[in-house]
Amino acid sequence: MTTTRGTLPARERILLIAAELFAAHGLRGVGVDRIIAESGVAKSTLYVHFPSKDDLAVEYLRRTDASWRGKLQSAARKAGERPSDQLVGLFDAVATAYRQHGFHGCPFINAAAESEPGSPAHQVTVDHKRAVRSWVRDLAASAGAADPDQLALQLTLLIDGTLAAGKLEQDRAMPLAARAAARGLVETACTAAA
């Protein structure tokens, strides 16, 4: 049985609408009144669940963090059992993102561009980027990279650059080029260690 927006609990409906609007228009480009109108909740209901727009933005980013990291990890696992293959395979999640209708680039890069350093939304973004890099670093160490920290930095910069480029132009060749570059980086880093 499929759940429609109207039958979702108010909190979930607010988050669903906010996520769609924030992804398409940015954190600053969407007002609370629009979220209220499109989610069909009363202003008091929104504020019961989210005392401020910042609280709503933080929850949106936290959910996006869990979703995106899950997609990266799933793509890595599907690439095979070898950590070196998984490091390259995570770029399949980037390619999948490009194929989504209405792809607007990396929500975290977009949020960081709109947020003041030290703000709650900015901090969630920083935490997300560090968590992804830490996970990639662990994979790089398991793959036998000579310098797992350096490889993780290179690969996560490549992911971020590819996602940012997707905001500008949705050329599906970009994630494929990034995947090929990742393969070269992984092979070089792991061959150097051997």
C-alpha atoms as a PDB file:
ATOM      1  CA  MET A   1       0.000   0.000   0.000  1.00  0.00           C
ATOM      2  CA  THR A   2       1.451   3.337  -1.031  1.00  0.00           C
ATOM      3  CA  THR A   3       1.355   6.243   1.417  1.00  0.00           C
ATOM      4  CA  THR A   4       0.362   9.569  -0.059  1.00  0.00           C
ATOM      5  CA  ARG A   5       1.618  12.869   1.266  1.00  0.00           C
ATOM      6  CA  GLY A   6      -1.761  13.686   2.766  1.00  0.00           C
ATOM      7  CA  THR A   7      -1.806  10.555   4.928  1.00  0.00           C
ATOM      8  CA  LEU A   8       1.699  11.034   6.315  1.00  0.00           C
ATOM      9  CA  PRO A   9       2.002  12.267   9.891  1.00  0.00           C
ATOM     10  CA  ALA A  10       2.469  16.045  10.010  1.00  0.00           C
ATOM     11  CA  ARG A  11       6.173  15.876  10.959  1.00  0.00           C
ATOM     12  CA  GLU A  12       6.972  13.554   8.052  1.00  0.00           C
ATOM     13  CA  ARG A  13       4.931  15.631   5.631  1.00  0.00           C
ATOM     14  CA  ILE A  14       6.756  18.793   6.714  1.00  0.00           C
ATOM     15  CA  LEU A  15      10.125  17.086   6.265  1.00  0.00           C
ATOM     16  CA  LEU A  16       9.187  15.657   2.867  1.00  0.00           C
ATOM     17  CA  ILE A  17       8.052  19.024   1.524  1.00  0.00           C
ATOM     18  CA  ALA A  18      10.982  20.872   3.105  1.00  0.00           C
ATOM     19  CA  ALA A  19      13.434  18.381   1.592  1.00  0.00           C
ATOM     20  CA  GLU A  20      11.975  18.832  -1.890  1.00  0.00           C
ATOM     21  CA  LEU A  21      11.966  22.620  -1.575  1.00  0.00           C
ATOM     22  CA  PHE A  22      15.412  22.922   0.047  1.00  0.00           C
ATOM     23  CA  ALA A  23      16.930  20.657  -2.601  1.00  0.00           C
ATOM     24  CA  ALA A  24      15.401  22.669  -5.431  1.00  0.00           C
ATOM     25  CA  HIS A  25      15.709  26.207  -4.067  1.00  0.00           C
ATOM     26  CA  GLY A  26      18.272  26.131  -1.261  1.00  0.00           C
ATOM     27  CA  LEU A  27      17.885  26.756   2.447  1.00  0.00           C
ATOM     28  CA  ARG A  28      17.581  30.506   2.043  1.00  0.00           C
ATOM     29  CA  GLY A  29      15.338  30.325  -0.995  1.00  0.00           C
ATOM     30  CA  VAL A  30      12.458  28.718   0.889  1.00  0.00           C
ATOM     31  CA  GLY A  31      10.402  30.426   3.552  1.00  0.00           C
ATOM     32  CA  VAL A  32       8.491  28.803   6.359  1.00  0.00           C
ATOM     33  CA  ASP A  33       5.210  30.081   4.902  1.00  0.00           C
ATOM     34  CA  ARG A  34       5.800  28.135   1.692  1.00  0.00           C
ATOM     35  CA  ILE A  35       6.614  24.951   3.610  1.00  0.00           C
ATOM     36  CA  ILE A  36       3.429  25.407   5.656  1.00  0.00           C
ATOM     37  CA  ALA A  37       1.319  26.020   2.566  1.00  0.00           C
ATOM     38  CA  GLU A  38       2.683  23.069   0.589  1.00  0.00           C
ATOM     39  CA  SER A  39       2.644  20.629   3.501  1.00  0.00           C
ATOM     40  CA  GLY A  40      -0.892  21.614   4.487  1.00  0.00           C
ATOM     41  CA  VAL A  41      -0.129  22.005   8.184  1.00  0.00           C
ATOM     42  CA  ALA A  42      -0.906  24.869  10.499  1.00  0.00           C
ATOM     43  CA  LYS A  43       1.900  27.231  11.455  1.00  0.00           C
ATOM     44  CA  SER A  44       1.572  26.105  15.072  1.00  0.00           C
ATOM     45  CA  THR A  45       1.978  22.468  13.985  1.00  0.00           C
ATOM     46  CA  LEU A  46       5.218  23.235  12.162  1.00  0.00           C
ATOM     47  CA  TYR A  47       6.590  25.080  15.181  1.00  0.00           C
ATOM     48  CA  VAL A  48       5.618  22.252  17.537  1.00  0.00           C
ATOM     49  CA  HIS A  49       7.836  19.921  15.506  1.00  0.00           C
ATOM     50  CA  PHE A  50      10.495  22.448  14.485  1.00  0.00           C
ATOM     51  CA  PRO A  51      10.845  25.514  16.738  1.00  0.00           C
ATOM     52  CA  SER A  52      12.775  27.340  14.007  1.00  0.00           C
ATOM     53  CA  LYS A  53      13.609  27.073  10.332  1.00  0.00           C
ATOM     54  CA  ASP A  54      17.179  26.269  11.399  1.00  0.00           C
ATOM     55  CA  ASP A  55      15.880  23.220  13.289  1.00  0.00           C
ATOM     56  CA  LEU A  56      14.026  22.098  10.173  1.00  0.00           C
ATOM     57  CA  ALA A  57      17.102  22.641   7.979  1.00  0.00           C
ATOM     58  CA  VAL A  58      19.283  20.657  10.394  1.00  0.00           C
ATOM     59  CA  GLU A  59      16.848  17.730  10.424  1.00  0.00           C
ATOM     60  CA  TYR A  60      16.669  17.818   6.614  1.00  0.00           C
ATOM     61  CA  LEU A  61      20.479  17.698   6.424  1.00  0.00           C
ATOM     62  CA  ARG A  62      20.728  14.904   8.998  1.00  0.00           C
ATOM     63  CA  ARG A  63      18.266  12.783   7.069  1.00  0.00           C
ATOM     64  CA  THR A  64      20.047  13.581   3.834  1.00  0.00           C
ATOM     65  CA  ASP A  65      23.322  12.560   5.490  1.00  0.00           C
ATOM     66  CA  ALA A  66      21.943   9.168   6.486  1.00  0.00           C
ATOM     67  CA  SER A  67      20.417   8.637   3.051  1.00  0.00           C
ATOM     68  CA  TRP A  68      23.486   9.694   1.063  1.00  0.00           C
ATOM     69  CA  ARG A  69      25.938   7.711   3.165  1.00  0.00           C
ATOM     70  CA  GLY A  70      23.664   4.692   2.789  1.00  0.00           C
ATOM     71  CA  LYS A  71      23.701   5.118  -0.985  1.00  0.00           C
ATOM     72  CA  LEU A  72      27.500   5.436  -1.061  1.00  0.00           C
ATOM     73  CA  GLN A  73      27.927   2.351   1.123  1.00  0.00           C
ATOM     74  CA  SER A  74      25.445   0.349  -0.931  1.00  0.00           C
ATOM     75  CA  ALA A  75      27.198   1.266  -4.184  1.00  0.00           C
ATOM     76  CA  ALA A  76      30.537   0.313  -2.655  1.00  0.00           C
ATOM     77  CA  ARG A  77      29.238  -3.088  -1.501  1.00  0.00           C
ATOM     78  CA  LYS A  78      27.718  -3.796  -4.915  1.00  0.00           C
ATOM     79  CA  ALA A  79      31.132  -3.226  -6.511  1.00  0.00           C
ATOM     80  CA  GLY A  80      32.502  -6.380  -4.918  1.00  0.00           C
ATOM     81  CA  GLU A  81      34.316  -7.621  -1.859  1.00  0.00           C
ATOM     82  CA  ARG A  82      37.680  -6.010  -2.567  1.00  0.00           C
ATOM     83  CA  PRO A  83      38.019  -2.643  -0.811  1.00  0.00           C
ATOM     84  CA  SER A  84      39.847  -1.242  -3.850  1.00  0.00           C
ATOM     85  CA  ASP A  85      36.823  -2.064  -6.014  1.00  0.00           C
ATOM     86  CA  GLN A  86      34.515  -0.577  -3.409  1.00  0.00           C
ATOM     87  CA  LEU A  87      36.452   2.705  -3.466  1.00  0.00           C
ATOM     88  CA  VAL A  88      35.740   2.969  -7.171  1.00  0.00           C
ATOM     89  CA  GLY A  89      32.223   1.554  -6.881  1.00  0.00           C
ATOM     90  CA  LEU A  90      31.041   4.324  -4.611  1.00  0.00           C
ATOM     91  CA  PHE A  91      31.114   6.574  -7.697  1.00  0.00           C
ATOM     92  CA  ASP A  92      28.169   4.543  -8.988  1.00  0.00           C
ATOM     93  CA  ALA A  93      26.092   6.351  -6.335  1.00  0.00           C
ATOM     94  CA  VAL A  94      27.222   9.640  -7.854  1.00  0.00           C
ATOM     95  CA  ALA A  95      26.187   8.449 -11.324  1.00  0.00           C
ATOM     96  CA  THR A  96      22.798   7.396  -9.953  1.00  0.00           C
ATOM     97  CA  ALA A  97      22.324  10.837  -8.398  1.00  0.00           C
ATOM     98  CA  TYR A  98      22.971  12.434 -11.790  1.00  0.00           C
ATOM     99  CA  ARG A  99      20.220  10.324 -13.338  1.00  0.00           C
ATOM    100  CA  GLN A 100      17.586  11.528 -10.875  1.00  0.00           C
ATOM    101  CA  HIS A 101      15.046  13.944 -12.213  1.00  0.00           C
ATOM    102  CA  GLY A 102      15.663  17.373 -10.765  1.00  0.00           C
ATOM    103  CA  PHE A 103      19.211  16.725  -9.516  1.00  0.00           C
ATOM    104  CA  HIS A 104      20.449  19.927  -7.926  1.00  0.00           C
ATOM    105  CA  GLY A 105      23.996  19.010  -6.922  1.00  0.00           C
ATOM    106  CA  CYS A 106      25.253  18.178  -3.454  1.00  0.00           C
ATOM    107  CA  PRO A 107      22.803  19.319  -0.763  1.00  0.00           C
ATOM    108  CA  PHE A 108      25.697  19.739   1.664  1.00  0.00           C
ATOM    109  CA  ILE A 109      27.799  21.916  -0.613  1.00  0.00           C
ATOM    110  CA  ASN A 110      24.680  23.923  -1.384  1.00  0.00           C
ATOM    111  CA  ALA A 111      23.881  24.300   2.335  1.00  0.00           C
ATOM    112  CA  ALA A 112      27.461  25.247   3.170  1.00  0.00           C
ATOM    113  CA  ALA A 113      27.404  27.962   0.531  1.00  0.00           C
ATOM    114  CA  GLU A 114      24.310  29.464   2.166  1.00  0.00           C
ATOM    115  CA  SER A 115      25.203  29.001   5.836  1.00  0.00           C
ATOM    116  CA  GLU A 116      27.364  30.997   8.157  1.00  0.00           C
ATOM    117  CA  PRO A 117      30.371  29.076   9.505  1.00  0.00           C
ATOM    118  CA  GLY A 118      29.470  27.797  12.942  1.00  0.00           C
ATOM    119  CA  SER A 119      25.727  27.783  12.265  1.00  0.00           C
ATOM    120  CA  PRO A 120      23.865  24.526  12.962  1.00  0.00           C
ATOM    121  CA  ALA A 121      23.357  23.768   9.250  1.00  0.00           C
ATOM    122  CA  HIS A 122      27.010  24.462   8.496  1.00  0.00           C
ATOM    123  CA  GLN A 123      28.112  22.178  11.339  1.00  0.00           C
ATOM    124  CA  VAL A 124      25.934  19.297  10.109  1.00  0.00           C
ATOM    125  CA  THR A 125      27.532  19.756   6.695  1.00  0.00           C
ATOM    126  CA  VAL A 126      31.052  19.692   8.133  1.00  0.00           C
ATOM    127  CA  ASP A 127      30.199  16.607  10.203  1.00  0.00           C
ATOM    128  CA  HIS A 128      28.798  14.875   7.115  1.00  0.00           C
ATOM    129  CA  LYS A 129      31.873  15.557   5.001  1.00  0.00           C
ATOM    130  CA  ARG A 130      34.185  14.361   7.781  1.00  0.00           C
ATOM    131  CA  ALA A 131      32.154  11.179   8.326  1.00  0.00           C
ATOM    132  CA  VAL A 132      32.236  10.305   4.623  1.00  0.00           C
ATOM    133  CA  ARG A 133      35.972  10.988   4.430  1.00  0.00           C
ATOM    134  CA  SER A 134      36.586   8.858   7.543  1.00  0.00           C
ATOM    135  CA  TRP A 135      34.662   5.940   6.041  1.00  0.00           C
ATOM    136  CA  VAL A 136      36.523   6.283   2.727  1.00  0.00           C
ATOM    137  CA  ARG A 137      39.792   6.472   4.677  1.00  0.00           C
ATOM    138  CA  ASP A 138      38.973   3.155   6.389  1.00  0.00           C
ATOM    139  CA  LEU A 139      38.232   1.587   2.998  1.00  0.00           C
ATOM    140  CA  ALA A 140      41.500   2.989   1.639  1.00  0.00           C
ATOM    141  CA  ALA A 141      43.416   1.466   4.555  1.00  0.00           C
ATOM    142  CA  SER A 142      41.696  -1.888   3.962  1.00  0.00           C
ATOM    143  CA  ALA A 143      42.636  -1.628   0.279  1.00  0.00           C
ATOM    144  CA  GLY A 144      46.277  -1.253   1.266  1.00  0.00           C
ATOM    145  CA  ALA A 145      46.748   2.373   0.202  1.00  0.00           C
ATOM    146  CA  ALA A 146      50.195   3.739   0.999  1.00  0.00           C
ATOM    147  CA  ASP A 147      48.583   6.881   2.461  1.00  0.00           C
ATOM    148  CA  PRO A 148      44.918   6.196   3.270  1.00  0.00           C
ATOM    149  CA  ASP A 149      44.325   9.760   4.475  1.00  0.00           C
ATOM    150  CA  GLN A 150      45.588  11.229   1.220  1.00  0.00           C
ATOM    151  CA  LEU A 151      43.594   8.809  -0.929  1.00  0.00           C
ATOM    152  CA  ALA A 152      40.432   9.495   1.083  1.00  0.00           C
ATOM    153  CA  LEU A 153      40.946  13.228   0.663  1.00  0.00           C
ATOM    154  CA  GLN A 154      41.470  12.854  -3.087  1.00  0.00           C
ATOM    155  CA  LEU A 155      38.432  10.624  -3.574  1.00  0.00           C
ATOM    156  CA  THR A 156      36.078  12.738  -1.473  1.00  0.00           C
ATOM    157  CA  LEU A 157      37.226  15.881  -3.271  1.00  0.00           C
ATOM    158  CA  LEU A 158      36.497  14.091  -6.531  1.00  0.00           C
ATOM    159  CA  ILE A 159      33.012  13.172  -5.292  1.00  0.00           C
ATOM    160  CA  ASP A 160      32.328  16.732  -4.144  1.00  0.00           C
ATOM    161  CA  GLY A 161      33.617  18.227  -7.373  1.00  0.00           C
ATOM    162  CA  THR A 162      31.501  15.887  -9.453  1.00  0.00           C
ATOM    163  CA  LEU A 163      28.377  16.629  -7.422  1.00  0.00           C
ATOM    164  CA  ALA A 164      29.043  20.379  -7.596  1.00  0.00           C
ATOM    165  CA  ALA A 165      29.512  20.163 -11.358  1.00  0.00           C
ATOM    166  CA  GLY A 166      26.142  18.447 -11.568  1.00  0.00           C
ATOM    167  CA  LYS A 167      24.512  21.594 -10.244  1.00  0.00           C
ATOM    168  CA  LEU A 168      25.918  23.493 -13.224  1.00  0.00           C
ATOM    169  CA  GLU A 169      25.412  20.995 -16.001  1.00  0.00           C
ATOM    170  CA  GLN A 170      23.957  17.546 -15.846  1.00  0.00           C
ATOM    171  CA  ASP A 171      26.354  15.880 -18.198  1.00  0.00           C
ATOM    172  CA  ARG A 172      26.200  12.167 -17.432  1.00  0.00           C
ATOM    173  CA  ALA A 173      29.762  11.806 -18.678  1.00  0.00           C
ATOM    174  CA  MET A 174      30.984  13.615 -15.553  1.00  0.00           C
ATOM    175  CA  PRO A 175      30.430  10.833 -13.011  1.00  0.00           C
ATOM    176  CA  LEU A 176      31.889   8.336 -15.481  1.00  0.00           C
ATOM    177  CA  ALA A 177      34.993  10.492 -15.840  1.00  0.00           C
ATOM    178  CA  ALA A 178      35.188  10.804 -12.043  1.00  0.00           C
ATOM    179  CA  ARG A 179      34.905   7.021 -11.690  1.00  0.00           C
ATOM    180  CA  ALA A 180      37.760   6.528 -14.148  1.00  0.00           C
ATOM    181  CA  ALA A 181      39.872   9.081 -12.284  1.00  0.00           C
ATOM    182  CA  ALA A 182      39.068   7.311  -9.009  1.00  0.00           C
ATOM    183  CA  ARG A 183      40.204   4.000 -10.507  1.00  0.00           C
ATOM    184  CA  GLY A 184      43.542   5.589 -11.424  1.00  0.00           C
ATOM    185  CA  LEU A 185      43.979   7.132  -7.980  1.00  0.00           C
ATOM    186  CA  VAL A 186      43.161   3.852  -6.220  1.00  0.00           C
ATOM    187  CA  GLU A 187      45.451   1.790  -8.450  1.00  0.00           C
ATOM    188  CA  THR A 188      48.322   4.245  -7.975  1.00  0.00           C
ATOM    189  CA  ALA A 189      47.857   4.496  -4.195  1.00  0.00           C
ATOM    190  CA  CYS A 190      47.543   0.757  -3.695  1.00  0.00           C
ATOM    191  CA  THR A 191      50.356  -0.159  -6.111  1.00  0.00           C
ATOM    192  CA  ALA A 192      52.676   2.260  -4.318  1.00  0.00           C
ATOM    193  CA  ALA A 193      51.931   0.455  -1.060  1.00  0.00           C
ATOM    194  CA  ALA A 194      52.743  -2.924  -2.594  1.00  0.00           C
END
